[in-house]
Amino acid sequence: MDFLGIAALIAAIAFAVLVIFLGKVLNNLSDVLSKTGDTIGKLPDQLDEISKETGTILHNTNETILDLNEKIKTLNPIFGMVEDAGTASRKVSSSLVDLTESMRKQTNAAAKMTDNKDLRGLYGLAAFVYFLNQKKKEYNAATQNP
């Protein structure tokens, strides 16, 4: 055998190995495509099932939203009453603050007047006499009603 025959033999062996390798690859590719076809065949049924479940979920969601809207409608008057009560209490608090501020100013003015006229002792004596008079009335009432 000459070199040309040996080269042809090596080329033939290489081609045979290549054909065997490509045969295995094509066989595996055929299996993959077959399984892909099976999966794609099952897909419409699965999508139908998913779309039915999605429809059920959307229906339940709509019912929940309607129920929630009804409950909110029943709560709206309560929130209105709470707001009215808050407004009224704020107005009362504001009035009390104004009254307290007015009384504080009057008390400060009276304190300045007593300081200016040195009437503290006289006012203290009058308060003490009033206190004693009240205690005497309480004592007399208690001793007369045993």
Foldseek 3Di string as FASTA:
>chain_A
DDPVVVVVVVVVVVVVVVVVVVVVVVVVVVVVVVVVVVVVVCVVVVVVVVVVVVVVVVVVVVVVVVVVVVVVVVCVVVVVVVVVVVVVVVVVVVVVVVVVVVVVVVVVVVVVVCVVVVCVVVVVVVVVVVVVVVVVVVVVVVVVPD
